[in-house]
Amino acid sequence: FQGVGTRLLENALDAYNGCIFAYGQTGSGKSHSMVGNLGREEEKGILPRACVRLFEMLAAKQKSADSRFQATVLASYLEIYNEKIFDLLRSGGREGSELQVRLHPNLGAIVVNLTECPMECFEEALELFDFGAKQRAVGATQMNATSSRSHAVFTIQIRMLVAGAGGPVESQ
């Protein structure tokens, strides 16, 4: 985490986009690297460590800037399964819930109607991740009895507002 996650968070708080991409064969450790064992502090993966550190960094920034700094943290979680996109934070199952990717003139590629949930602490982030993970498509393979059989994207968006002498400045 120290080699990748900390720098990614520092850049995110400077309004840069960041991405951690786990790719590999079934059973190669992608889920372990990204999530790890949440029951043991030393075995937590990149995502839980990043969430804990993010909220620590935001609290420190808020404290040092007094009330001039505000941040909203949003999470979305999607799954790509059989070339279809599904919202993992939407309750009610998959029936009729396939999402579409569209090109926005200012934002670039977006997933229309993807749920974005606000988070205020690590525990809320973990709850959202757990909720979505339970909705993923799974199936057995020769190498893994509970392989996800899909690709998942958990997105954390930070919207910051800093009030200055010339008025507020917003970044995402």
N, C-alpha and C. Protein backbone atom coordinates (compact mmCIF):
# COMPACT_ATOMS: atom_id res chain seq x y z
N PHE A 1 0.82 -1.20 0.00
CA PHE A 1 0.00 0.00 0.00
C PHE A 1 0.86 1.26 0.00
N GLN A 2 1.93 1.24 0.78
CA GLN A 2 2.78 2.43 0.87
C GLN A 2 3.35 2.81 -0.50
N GLY A 3 3.65 1.82 -1.33
CA GLY A 3 4.24 2.10 -2.63
C GLY A 3 3.27 2.63 -3.66
N VAL A 4 2.01 2.29 -3.55
CA VAL A 4 1.03 2.67 -4.57
C VAL A 4 -0.09 3.54 -4.01
N GLY A 5 -0.71 3.08 -2.93
CA GLY A 5 -1.91 3.72 -2.42
C GLY A 5 -1.73 5.12 -1.88
N THR A 6 -0.66 5.34 -1.13
CA THR A 6 -0.45 6.65 -0.52
C THR A 6 -0.28 7.72 -1.59
N ARG A 7 0.54 7.43 -2.57
CA ARG A 7 0.78 8.42 -3.65
C ARG A 7 -0.50 8.68 -4.45
N LEU A 8 -1.27 7.64 -4.71
CA LEU A 8 -2.52 7.80 -5.44
C LEU A 8 -3.47 8.72 -4.67
N LEU A 9 -3.56 8.56 -3.35
CA LEU A 9 -4.44 9.41 -2.54
C LEU A 9 -3.94 10.85 -2.49
N GLU A 10 -2.64 11.03 -2.36
CA GLU A 10 -2.09 12.39 -2.36
C GLU A 10 -2.42 13.09 -3.66
N ASN A 11 -2.28 12.39 -4.78
CA ASN A 11 -2.61 12.98 -6.08
C ASN A 11 -4.11 13.24 -6.20
N ALA A 12 -4.93 12.35 -5.67
CA ALA A 12 -6.38 12.55 -5.72
C ALA A 12 -6.79 13.82 -4.98
N LEU A 13 -6.13 14.08 -3.85
CA LEU A 13 -6.44 15.29 -3.10
C LEU A 13 -5.89 16.55 -3.78
N ASP A 14 -5.04 16.35 -4.77
CA ASP A 14 -4.59 17.45 -5.63
C ASP A 14 -5.40 17.52 -6.92
N ALA A 15 -6.55 16.81 -6.95
CA ALA A 15 -7.52 16.83 -8.05
C ALA A 15 -7.06 16.06 -9.29
N TYR A 16 -6.20 15.06 -9.12
CA TYR A 16 -5.82 14.18 -10.23
C TYR A 16 -6.59 12.88 -10.12
N ASN A 17 -6.91 12.28 -11.28
CA ASN A 17 -7.54 10.97 -11.30
C ASN A 17 -6.50 9.91 -11.02
N GLY A 18 -6.93 8.81 -10.45
CA GLY A 18 -6.03 7.69 -10.20
C GLY A 18 -6.77 6.38 -10.37
N CYS A 19 -6.02 5.32 -10.61
CA CYS A 19 -6.63 4.01 -10.82
C CYS A 19 -5.66 2.93 -10.37
N ILE A 20 -6.19 1.93 -9.71
CA ILE A 20 -5.44 0.72 -9.40
C ILE A 20 -6.15 -0.40 -10.13
N PHE A 21 -5.42 -1.09 -10.97
CA PHE A 21 -5.99 -2.11 -11.85
C PHE A 21 -5.36 -3.46 -11.49
N ALA A 22 -6.17 -4.42 -11.10
CA ALA A 22 -5.67 -5.76 -10.79
C ALA A 22 -6.06 -6.69 -11.92
N TYR A 23 -5.06 -7.33 -12.49
CA TYR A 23 -5.28 -8.20 -13.63
C TYR A 23 -4.48 -9.48 -13.44
N GLY A 24 -5.05 -10.60 -13.78
CA GLY A 24 -4.31 -11.85 -13.68
C GLY A 24 -5.21 -13.06 -13.79
N GLN A 25 -4.58 -14.20 -13.81
CA GLN A 25 -5.26 -15.48 -13.93
C GLN A 25 -6.09 -15.75 -12.68
N THR A 26 -7.13 -16.56 -12.82
CA THR A 26 -7.93 -16.98 -11.67
C THR A 26 -7.02 -17.59 -10.62
N GLY A 27 -7.19 -17.15 -9.39
CA GLY A 27 -6.40 -17.68 -8.29
C GLY A 27 -5.04 -17.04 -8.11
N SER A 28 -4.74 -15.98 -8.86
CA SER A 28 -3.41 -15.37 -8.79
C SER A 28 -3.27 -14.33 -7.67
N GLY A 29 -4.35 -13.99 -7.00
CA GLY A 29 -4.25 -13.08 -5.86
C GLY A 29 -4.81 -11.68 -6.08
N LYS A 30 -5.59 -11.48 -7.13
CA LYS A 30 -6.16 -10.15 -7.39
C LYS A 30 -7.05 -9.69 -6.23
N SER A 31 -7.98 -10.52 -5.83
CA SER A 31 -8.89 -10.15 -4.74
C SER A 31 -8.12 -9.98 -3.44
N HIS A 32 -7.16 -10.84 -3.19
CA HIS A 32 -6.38 -10.74 -1.96
C HIS A 32 -5.59 -9.43 -1.95
N SER A 33 -5.02 -9.05 -3.08
CA SER A 33 -4.26 -7.80 -3.14
C SER A 33 -5.16 -6.59 -2.96
N MET A 34 -6.34 -6.63 -3.55
CA MET A 34 -7.23 -5.48 -3.51
C MET A 34 -8.01 -5.39 -2.19
N VAL A 35 -8.48 -6.52 -1.66
CA VAL A 35 -9.31 -6.51 -0.45
C VAL A 35 -8.58 -7.13 0.74
N GLY A 36 -7.98 -8.27 0.52
CA GLY A 36 -7.25 -8.94 1.59
C GLY A 36 -8.15 -9.56 2.62
N ASN A 37 -7.61 -9.75 3.81
CA ASN A 37 -8.35 -10.31 4.94
C ASN A 37 -8.71 -9.15 5.86
N LEU A 38 -9.98 -8.77 5.88
CA LEU A 38 -10.42 -7.62 6.66
C LEU A 38 -10.38 -7.87 8.16
N GLY A 39 -10.29 -9.14 8.55
CA GLY A 39 -10.26 -9.48 9.97
C GLY A 39 -8.90 -9.30 10.61
N ARG A 40 -7.86 -9.14 9.81
CA ARG A 40 -6.50 -8.99 10.34
C ARG A 40 -5.88 -7.74 9.75
N GLU A 41 -5.54 -6.82 10.61
CA GLU A 41 -5.01 -5.51 10.18
C GLU A 41 -3.84 -5.64 9.20
N GLU A 42 -2.91 -6.53 9.50
CA GLU A 42 -1.72 -6.66 8.66
C GLU A 42 -1.99 -7.35 7.32
N GLU A 43 -3.19 -7.91 7.14
CA GLU A 43 -3.53 -8.59 5.90
C GLU A 43 -4.57 -7.85 5.07
N LYS A 44 -4.93 -6.64 5.48
CA LYS A 44 -5.89 -5.86 4.69
C LYS A 44 -5.26 -5.49 3.35
N GLY A 45 -6.10 -5.46 2.32
CA GLY A 45 -5.63 -5.14 0.99
C GLY A 45 -5.58 -3.63 0.72
N ILE A 46 -5.32 -3.31 -0.52
CA ILE A 46 -5.14 -1.91 -0.92
C ILE A 46 -6.42 -1.10 -0.71
N LEU A 47 -7.57 -1.63 -1.09
CA LEU A 47 -8.82 -0.86 -1.00
C LEU A 47 -9.18 -0.47 0.44
N PRO A 48 -9.21 -1.39 1.40
CA PRO A 48 -9.53 -0.95 2.76
C PRO A 48 -8.48 0.00 3.34
N ARG A 49 -7.22 -0.23 3.04
CA ARG A 49 -6.17 0.67 3.54
C ARG A 49 -6.33 2.06 2.93
N ALA A 50 -6.67 2.10 1.64
CA ALA A 50 -6.86 3.38 0.97
C ALA A 50 -8.04 4.14 1.56
N CYS A 51 -9.13 3.44 1.86
CA CYS A 51 -10.30 4.11 2.44
C CYS A 51 -9.98 4.68 3.82
N VAL A 52 -9.32 3.90 4.65
CA VAL A 52 -8.95 4.38 5.98
C VAL A 52 -8.07 5.62 5.85
N ARG A 53 -7.05 5.53 5.01
CA ARG A 53 -6.11 6.65 4.85
C ARG A 53 -6.79 7.87 4.24
N LEU A 54 -7.69 7.67 3.27
CA LEU A 54 -8.40 8.78 2.65
C LEU A 54 -9.16 9.59 3.69
N PHE A 55 -9.92 8.93 4.55
CA PHE A 55 -10.70 9.66 5.54
C PHE A 55 -9.80 10.33 6.58
N GLU A 56 -8.65 9.73 6.88
CA GLU A 56 -7.68 10.39 7.76
C GLU A 56 -7.14 11.66 7.11
N MET A 57 -6.80 11.57 5.83
CA MET A 57 -6.25 12.72 5.11
C MET A 57 -7.28 13.84 4.99
N LEU A 58 -8.53 13.48 4.72
CA LEU A 58 -9.58 14.49 4.62
C LEU A 58 -9.83 15.18 5.96
N ALA A 59 -9.81 14.41 7.04
CA ALA A 59 -10.00 14.99 8.37
C ALA A 59 -8.86 15.95 8.70
N ALA A 60 -7.64 15.58 8.36
CA ALA A 60 -6.49 16.45 8.62
C ALA A 60 -6.58 17.73 7.79
N LYS A 61 -7.00 17.59 6.54
CA LYS A 61 -7.14 18.76 5.67
C LYS A 61 -8.24 19.68 6.18
N GLN A 62 -9.33 19.11 6.63
CA GLN A 62 -10.44 19.89 7.20
C GLN A 62 -9.98 20.65 8.43
N LYS A 63 -9.23 19.98 9.27
CA LYS A 63 -8.76 20.58 10.53
C LYS A 63 -7.78 21.73 10.25
N SER A 64 -6.89 21.54 9.28
CA SER A 64 -5.89 22.58 9.00
C SER A 64 -6.47 23.77 8.26
N ALA A 65 -7.56 23.56 7.53
CA ALA A 65 -8.16 24.65 6.75
C ALA A 65 -9.37 25.25 7.44
N ASP A 66 -9.62 24.84 8.67
CA ASP A 66 -10.79 25.27 9.43
C ASP A 66 -12.05 24.95 8.63
N SER A 67 -12.95 25.89 8.48
CA SER A 67 -14.21 25.61 7.79
C SER A 67 -14.15 25.96 6.31
N ARG A 68 -12.98 26.33 5.81
CA ARG A 68 -12.87 26.71 4.40
C ARG A 68 -12.83 25.51 3.47
N PHE A 69 -12.63 24.31 4.02
CA PHE A 69 -12.51 23.09 3.22
C PHE A 69 -13.67 22.16 3.51
N GLN A 70 -14.30 21.68 2.45
CA GLN A 70 -15.37 20.69 2.57
C GLN A 70 -15.11 19.60 1.54
N ALA A 71 -15.42 18.37 1.91
CA ALA A 71 -15.25 17.26 0.97
C ALA A 71 -16.45 16.33 1.06
N THR A 72 -16.86 15.83 -0.09
CA THR A 72 -17.89 14.80 -0.19
C THR A 72 -17.24 13.62 -0.89
N VAL A 73 -17.40 12.44 -0.31
CA VAL A 73 -16.82 11.23 -0.89
C VAL A 73 -17.97 10.35 -1.35
N LEU A 74 -17.92 9.93 -2.61
CA LEU A 74 -18.96 9.10 -3.20
C LEU A 74 -18.36 7.79 -3.68
N ALA A 75 -19.15 6.72 -3.59
CA ALA A 75 -18.71 5.42 -4.09
C ALA A 75 -19.71 4.91 -5.13
N SER A 76 -19.19 4.27 -6.15
CA SER A 76 -20.02 3.51 -7.09
C SER A 76 -19.33 2.17 -7.30
N TYR A 77 -20.10 1.18 -7.71
CA TYR A 77 -19.56 -0.17 -7.85
C TYR A 77 -20.30 -0.83 -8.99
N LEU A 78 -19.59 -1.14 -10.06
CA LEU A 78 -20.23 -1.76 -11.21
C LEU A 78 -19.56 -3.08 -11.55
N GLU A 79 -20.29 -3.90 -12.27
CA GLU A 79 -19.79 -5.20 -12.70
C GLU A 79 -19.99 -5.31 -14.21
N ILE A 80 -18.99 -5.84 -14.87
CA ILE A 80 -19.10 -6.16 -16.30
C ILE A 80 -19.14 -7.67 -16.40
N TYR A 81 -20.28 -8.19 -16.85
CA TYR A 81 -20.48 -9.63 -16.93
C TYR A 81 -21.13 -9.95 -18.28
N ASN A 82 -20.51 -10.81 -19.04
CA ASN A 82 -21.01 -11.17 -20.38
C ASN A 82 -21.27 -9.93 -21.23
N GLU A 83 -20.33 -8.99 -21.18
CA GLU A 83 -20.37 -7.75 -21.96
C GLU A 83 -21.54 -6.85 -21.61
N LYS A 84 -22.09 -7.01 -20.41
CA LYS A 84 -23.16 -6.15 -19.91
C LYS A 84 -22.71 -5.52 -18.60
N ILE A 85 -23.19 -4.30 -18.34
CA ILE A 85 -22.80 -3.56 -17.14
C ILE A 85 -23.97 -3.54 -16.16
N PHE A 86 -23.66 -3.87 -14.90
CA PHE A 86 -24.67 -3.90 -13.85
C PHE A 86 -24.22 -3.06 -12.66
N ASP A 87 -25.16 -2.43 -12.00
CA ASP A 87 -24.92 -1.59 -10.83
C ASP A 87 -24.97 -2.49 -9.59
N LEU A 88 -23.85 -2.66 -8.91
CA LEU A 88 -23.80 -3.54 -7.75
C LEU A 88 -24.32 -2.87 -6.47
N LEU A 89 -24.57 -1.57 -6.50
CA LEU A 89 -25.11 -0.89 -5.33
C LEU A 89 -26.62 -0.68 -5.44
N ARG A 90 -27.20 -1.19 -6.49
CA ARG A 90 -28.65 -1.09 -6.68
C ARG A 90 -29.28 -2.36 -6.12
N SER A 91 -30.25 -2.20 -5.26
CA SER A 91 -30.94 -3.38 -4.74
C SER A 91 -32.04 -3.76 -5.72
N GLY A 92 -32.47 -4.99 -5.66
CA GLY A 92 -33.56 -5.43 -6.52
C GLY A 92 -33.15 -6.38 -7.61
N GLY A 93 -31.91 -6.82 -7.63
CA GLY A 93 -31.49 -7.80 -8.62
C GLY A 93 -31.13 -7.21 -9.96
N ARG A 94 -30.85 -8.08 -10.92
CA ARG A 94 -30.35 -7.68 -12.23
C ARG A 94 -31.42 -7.46 -13.29
N GLU A 95 -32.57 -8.00 -13.08
CA GLU A 95 -33.61 -7.94 -14.12
C GLU A 95 -33.88 -6.50 -14.54
N GLY A 96 -33.63 -6.21 -15.80
CA GLY A 96 -33.89 -4.88 -16.34
C GLY A 96 -32.94 -3.81 -15.83
N SER A 97 -31.81 -4.22 -15.25
CA SER A 97 -30.92 -3.24 -14.63
C SER A 97 -29.62 -3.03 -15.41
N GLU A 98 -29.56 -3.50 -16.63
CA GLU A 98 -28.35 -3.31 -17.43
C GLU A 98 -28.14 -1.82 -17.70
N LEU A 99 -26.91 -1.36 -17.50
CA LEU A 99 -26.57 0.05 -17.69
C LEU A 99 -25.86 0.27 -19.02
N GLN A 100 -25.84 1.53 -19.44
CA GLN A 100 -25.21 1.89 -20.72
C GLN A 100 -24.08 2.88 -20.48
N VAL A 101 -23.03 2.75 -21.28
CA VAL A 101 -21.93 3.72 -21.28
C VAL A 101 -22.23 4.74 -22.36
N ARG A 102 -22.09 6.00 -22.01
CA ARG A 102 -22.32 7.09 -22.97
C ARG A 102 -21.14 8.04 -22.91
N LEU A 103 -20.94 8.77 -23.97
CA LEU A 103 -19.87 9.76 -24.03
C LEU A 103 -20.45 11.13 -23.72
N HIS A 104 -20.02 11.71 -22.61
CA HIS A 104 -20.47 13.03 -22.18
C HIS A 104 -19.49 14.06 -22.76
N PRO A 105 -19.98 15.21 -23.28
CA PRO A 105 -19.09 16.17 -23.92
C PRO A 105 -18.02 16.75 -22.99
N ASN A 106 -18.29 16.84 -21.69
CA ASN A 106 -17.32 17.41 -20.75
C ASN A 106 -16.65 16.36 -19.87
N LEU A 107 -17.38 15.33 -19.50
CA LEU A 107 -16.87 14.34 -18.55
C LEU A 107 -16.22 13.13 -19.21
N GLY A 108 -16.44 12.93 -20.50
CA GLY A 108 -15.92 11.74 -21.17
C GLY A 108 -16.89 10.59 -21.01
N ALA A 109 -16.38 9.38 -20.93
CA ALA A 109 -17.22 8.19 -20.80
C ALA A 109 -17.86 8.14 -19.42
N ILE A 110 -19.17 7.97 -19.39
CA ILE A 110 -19.90 7.85 -18.12
C ILE A 110 -20.85 6.66 -18.21
N VAL A 111 -21.22 6.11 -17.07
CA VAL A 111 -22.21 5.05 -17.01
C VAL A 111 -23.50 5.70 -16.52
N VAL A 112 -24.48 5.75 -17.40
CA VAL A 112 -25.74 6.43 -17.11
C VAL A 112 -26.51 5.68 -16.02
N ASN A 113 -27.01 6.43 -15.05
CA ASN A 113 -27.83 5.93 -13.94
C ASN A 113 -27.09 5.02 -12.96
N LEU A 114 -25.77 5.10 -12.93
CA LEU A 114 -24.99 4.34 -11.96
C LEU A 114 -25.17 4.98 -10.58
N THR A 115 -25.47 4.18 -9.58
CA THR A 115 -25.67 4.67 -8.22
C THR A 115 -24.37 5.23 -7.65
N GLU A 116 -24.46 6.40 -7.06
CA GLU A 116 -23.33 6.99 -6.34
C GLU A 116 -23.78 7.21 -4.91
N CYS A 117 -23.12 6.53 -3.97
CA CYS A 117 -23.50 6.59 -2.56
C CYS A 117 -22.49 7.43 -1.78
N PRO A 118 -22.95 8.37 -0.97
CA PRO A 118 -22.02 9.14 -0.13
C PRO A 118 -21.45 8.27 0.98
N MET A 119 -20.20 8.54 1.33
CA MET A 119 -19.52 7.83 2.42
C MET A 119 -18.86 8.87 3.31
N GLU A 120 -18.92 8.64 4.62
CA GLU A 120 -18.29 9.57 5.55
C GLU A 120 -17.20 8.93 6.39
N CYS A 121 -17.03 7.60 6.26
CA CYS A 121 -16.01 6.91 7.05
C CYS A 121 -15.71 5.56 6.42
N PHE A 122 -14.65 4.93 6.92
CA PHE A 122 -14.24 3.63 6.41
C PHE A 122 -15.34 2.59 6.56
N GLU A 123 -16.04 2.59 7.68
CA GLU A 123 -17.08 1.59 7.93
C GLU A 123 -18.18 1.66 6.87
N GLU A 124 -18.55 2.87 6.44
CA GLU A 124 -19.56 3.01 5.39
C GLU A 124 -19.02 2.51 4.05
N ALA A 125 -17.75 2.78 3.77
CA ALA A 125 -17.14 2.28 2.54
C ALA A 125 -17.14 0.76 2.53
N LEU A 126 -16.78 0.16 3.65
CA LEU A 126 -16.76 -1.30 3.76
C LEU A 126 -18.15 -1.89 3.58
N GLU A 127 -19.14 -1.23 4.15
CA GLU A 127 -20.53 -1.69 4.02
C GLU A 127 -20.98 -1.68 2.56
N LEU A 128 -20.64 -0.62 1.83
CA LEU A 128 -21.00 -0.54 0.41
C LEU A 128 -20.27 -1.59 -0.40
N PHE A 129 -18.98 -1.75 -0.13
CA PHE A 129 -18.20 -2.74 -0.86
C PHE A 129 -18.76 -4.14 -0.61
N ASP A 130 -19.08 -4.45 0.63
CA ASP A 130 -19.62 -5.76 0.99
C ASP A 130 -20.97 -6.00 0.33
N PHE A 131 -21.84 -4.98 0.34
CA PHE A 131 -23.15 -5.10 -0.29
C PHE A 131 -23.00 -5.44 -1.78
N GLY A 132 -22.14 -4.70 -2.47
CA GLY A 132 -21.94 -4.94 -3.89
C GLY A 132 -21.27 -6.26 -4.18
N ALA A 133 -20.30 -6.64 -3.37
CA ALA A 133 -19.59 -7.91 -3.59
C ALA A 133 -20.54 -9.10 -3.51
N LYS A 134 -21.54 -9.00 -2.66
CA LYS A 134 -22.51 -10.09 -2.51
C LYS A 134 -23.43 -10.20 -3.72
N GLN A 135 -23.47 -9.17 -4.56
CA GLN A 135 -24.34 -9.19 -5.74
C GLN A 135 -23.61 -9.62 -7.00
N ARG A 136 -22.30 -9.83 -6.92
CA ARG A 136 -21.53 -10.20 -8.10
C ARG A 136 -21.89 -11.59 -8.60
N ALA A 137 -21.76 -11.79 -9.91
CA ALA A 137 -21.99 -13.10 -10.51
C ALA A 137 -20.82 -14.01 -10.16
N VAL A 138 -21.12 -15.22 -9.68
CA VAL A 138 -20.07 -16.17 -9.33
C VAL A 138 -20.35 -17.50 -9.99
N GLY A 139 -19.29 -18.27 -10.18
CA GLY A 139 -19.40 -19.60 -10.74
C GLY A 139 -18.09 -20.32 -10.54
N ALA A 140 -18.14 -21.61 -10.46
CA ALA A 140 -16.94 -22.40 -10.22
C ALA A 140 -16.10 -22.53 -11.49
N THR A 141 -14.79 -22.55 -11.28
CA THR A 141 -13.85 -22.88 -12.35
C THR A 141 -12.98 -24.01 -11.80
N GLN A 142 -12.14 -24.57 -12.64
CA GLN A 142 -11.26 -25.64 -12.17
C GLN A 142 -10.27 -25.14 -11.14
N MET A 143 -9.97 -23.85 -11.16
CA MET A 143 -8.98 -23.31 -10.25
C MET A 143 -9.57 -22.63 -9.02
N ASN A 144 -10.88 -22.29 -9.06
CA ASN A 144 -11.46 -21.52 -7.97
C ASN A 144 -12.96 -21.82 -7.89
N ALA A 145 -13.41 -22.34 -6.76
CA ALA A 145 -14.81 -22.75 -6.62
C ALA A 145 -15.77 -21.57 -6.56
N THR A 146 -15.28 -20.38 -6.22
CA THR A 146 -16.17 -19.22 -6.14
C THR A 146 -15.64 -18.06 -6.98
N SER A 147 -15.16 -18.36 -8.15
CA SER A 147 -14.64 -17.32 -9.04
C SER A 147 -15.74 -16.33 -9.39
N SER A 148 -15.38 -15.05 -9.48
CA SER A 148 -16.40 -14.03 -9.72
C SER A 148 -16.99 -14.10 -11.12
N ARG A 149 -16.26 -14.58 -12.09
CA ARG A 149 -16.74 -14.70 -13.48
C ARG A 149 -17.07 -13.35 -14.10
N SER A 150 -16.56 -12.29 -13.55
CA SER A 150 -16.87 -10.96 -14.07
C SER A 150 -15.72 -10.01 -13.73
N HIS A 151 -15.85 -8.79 -14.19
CA HIS A 151 -14.91 -7.72 -13.85
C HIS A 151 -15.69 -6.71 -13.01
N ALA A 152 -15.05 -6.15 -12.01
CA ALA A 152 -15.73 -5.19 -11.15
C ALA A 152 -14.90 -3.92 -11.04
N VAL A 153 -15.60 -2.79 -10.92
CA VAL A 153 -14.95 -1.49 -10.75
C VAL A 153 -15.59 -0.80 -9.56
N PHE A 154 -14.80 -0.61 -8.50
CA PHE A 154 -15.25 0.14 -7.33
C PHE A 154 -14.61 1.51 -7.44
N THR A 155 -15.43 2.54 -7.57
CA THR A 155 -14.94 3.90 -7.80
C THR A 155 -15.19 4.75 -6.56
N ILE A 156 -14.17 5.48 -6.17
CA ILE A 156 -14.29 6.46 -5.09
C ILE A 156 -14.07 7.83 -5.71
N GLN A 157 -15.04 8.70 -5.56
CA GLN A 157 -14.96 10.05 -6.11
C GLN A 157 -14.91 11.04 -4.94
N ILE A 158 -13.96 11.96 -5.02
CA ILE A 158 -13.81 12.96 -3.97
C ILE A 158 -14.17 14.32 -4.57
N ARG A 159 -15.16 14.96 -4.03
CA ARG A 159 -15.54 16.31 -4.45
C ARG A 159 -15.14 17.27 -3.35
N MET A 160 -14.23 18.18 -3.68
CA MET A 160 -13.70 19.10 -2.67
C MET A 160 -14.10 20.53 -3.01
N LEU A 161 -14.35 21.29 -1.95
CA LEU A 161 -14.71 22.68 -2.08
C LEU A 161 -13.85 23.46 -1.09
N VAL A 162 -13.08 24.41 -1.62
CA VAL A 162 -12.24 25.24 -0.76
C VAL A 162 -12.69 26.68 -0.93
N ALA A 163 -13.09 27.32 0.17
CA ALA A 163 -13.54 28.70 0.13
C ALA A 163 -12.31 29.60 0.25
N GLY A 164 -12.14 30.47 -0.71
CA GLY A 164 -11.02 31.41 -0.71
C GLY A 164 -11.54 32.84 -0.73
N ALA A 165 -10.63 33.78 -0.81
CA ALA A 165 -10.99 35.20 -0.83
C ALA A 165 -11.82 35.54 -2.07
N GLY A 166 -11.54 34.87 -3.17
CA GLY A 166 -12.27 35.15 -4.42
C GLY A 166 -13.51 34.30 -4.60
N GLY A 167 -13.88 33.53 -3.58
CA GLY A 167 -15.05 32.66 -3.68
C GLY A 167 -14.62 31.20 -3.65
N PRO A 168 -15.58 30.28 -3.66
CA PRO A 168 -15.25 28.86 -3.55
C PRO A 168 -14.65 28.32 -4.85
N VAL A 169 -13.74 27.36 -4.69
CA VAL A 169 -13.13 26.65 -5.80
C VAL A 169 -13.44 25.18 -5.62
N GLU A 170 -14.04 24.57 -6.63
CA GLU A 170 -14.45 23.16 -6.52
C GLU A 170 -13.57 22.30 -7.41
N SER A 171 -13.26 21.11 -6.92
CA SER A 171 -12.54 20.13 -7.73
C SER A 171 -13.12 18.77 -7.49
N GLN A 172 -12.93 17.87 -8.46
CA GLN A 172 -13.43 16.49 -8.32
C GLN A 172 -12.30 15.54 -8.61
